[in-house]
Amino acid sequence: MTRKRKRLEEELKKLIEKQEEVAARIRETQDQITEETNTEIHEMVHKANITPEQLAEILAAFKGSANPGNMSYTMADEEEKDHEN
């Protein structure tokens, strides 16, 4: 094996190691972004005092391109009760 080839193979090995390190950092950063997004969503839902069932209904309405104003009366009734107390 020539010196030049040996040097190139060593350089390739180092670059592959760096690539693996960068890929790991990318995955970690993506996980952190997902975690932060989930935290933000949780805070918004908590602040709005929405039950999981109500959130599911809201999301289903948006997914189906329905008008959120057409949501069930039970959700509206619950909100009225909350404001009365």
Protein backbone atom coordinates (compact mmCIF):
# COMPACT_ATOMS: atom_id res chain seq x y z
CA MET A 1 0.00 0.00 0.00
CA THR A 2 1.37 3.40 -0.91
CA ARG A 3 1.74 6.19 1.61
CA LYS A 4 -0.69 8.33 -0.30
CA ARG A 5 -3.37 5.61 -0.26
CA LYS A 6 -2.79 4.94 3.43
CA ARG A 7 -3.12 8.65 4.21
CA LEU A 8 -6.32 8.88 2.17
CA GLU A 9 -7.81 5.86 3.96
CA GLU A 10 -6.96 7.39 7.34
CA GLU A 11 -8.55 10.66 6.28
CA LEU A 12 -11.66 8.79 5.11
CA LYS A 13 -11.87 6.97 8.45
CA LYS A 14 -11.70 10.29 10.33
CA LEU A 15 -14.34 11.84 8.09
CA ILE A 16 -16.68 8.88 8.61
CA GLU A 17 -16.25 9.19 12.39
CA LYS A 18 -17.06 12.90 12.17
CA GLN A 19 -20.08 12.13 10.00
CA GLU A 20 -21.38 9.68 12.62
CA GLU A 21 -20.88 12.29 15.36
CA VAL A 22 -22.76 14.90 13.34
CA ALA A 23 -25.58 12.43 12.58
CA ALA A 24 -25.90 11.71 16.31
CA ARG A 25 -26.01 15.44 17.10
CA ILE A 26 -28.67 15.91 14.42
CA ARG A 27 -30.82 13.16 15.95
CA GLU A 28 -30.38 14.65 19.44
CA THR A 29 -31.33 18.12 18.21
CA GLN A 30 -34.38 16.75 16.39
CA ASP A 31 -35.45 14.97 19.58
CA GLN A 32 -35.02 18.21 21.55
CA ILE A 33 -37.14 20.09 19.00
CA THR A 34 -39.86 17.43 19.25
CA GLU A 35 -39.77 17.60 23.04
CA GLU A 36 -40.00 21.40 23.02
CA THR A 37 -42.89 21.30 20.54
CA ASN A 38 -44.74 18.82 22.75
CA THR A 39 -44.14 21.05 25.77
CA GLU A 40 -45.51 24.08 23.92
CA ILE A 41 -48.61 22.15 22.84
CA HIS A 42 -49.16 20.87 26.38
CA GLU A 43 -48.87 24.40 27.79
CA MET A 44 -51.36 25.77 25.24
CA VAL A 45 -53.89 23.03 25.96
CA HIS A 46 -53.44 23.42 29.71
CA LYS A 47 -53.78 27.20 29.52
CA ALA A 48 -56.96 26.88 27.44
CA ASN A 49 -58.35 24.42 30.00
CA ILE A 50 -59.26 21.92 27.29
CA THR A 51 -59.93 18.27 28.09
CA PRO A 52 -58.31 15.56 25.97
CA GLU A 53 -61.73 14.76 24.53
CA GLN A 54 -62.31 18.38 23.54
CA LEU A 55 -58.87 18.58 21.95
CA ALA A 56 -59.56 15.41 19.96
CA GLU A 57 -62.84 16.92 18.77
CA ILE A 58 -61.18 20.18 17.75
CA LEU A 59 -58.44 18.36 15.86
CA ALA A 60 -60.96 16.09 14.14
CA ALA A 61 -62.95 19.16 13.06
CA PHE A 62 -59.87 20.81 11.56
CA LYS A 63 -58.69 17.60 9.94
CA GLY A 64 -62.06 17.11 8.30
CA SER A 65 -62.08 20.75 7.17
CA ALA A 66 -65.16 21.23 9.28
CA ASN A 67 -66.05 24.53 10.78
CA PRO A 68 -65.08 24.47 14.46
CA GLY A 69 -68.38 26.23 15.10
CA ASN A 70 -70.09 22.96 14.19
CA MET A 71 -68.62 21.08 17.12
CA SER A 72 -70.92 19.19 19.43
CA TYR A 73 -73.14 20.94 21.89
CA THR A 74 -71.59 19.01 24.76
CA MET A 75 -68.37 20.94 24.34
CA ALA A 76 -70.24 24.26 24.22
CA ASP A 77 -72.33 23.24 27.23
CA GLU A 78 -69.21 22.38 29.23
CA GLU A 79 -67.66 25.72 28.40
CA GLU A 80 -70.79 27.58 29.47
CA LYS A 81 -70.78 25.72 32.78
CA ASP A 82 -67.14 26.70 33.33
CA HIS A 83 -67.92 30.37 32.75
CA GLU A 84 -70.95 30.26 35.06
CA ASN A 85 -68.91 28.99 38.01
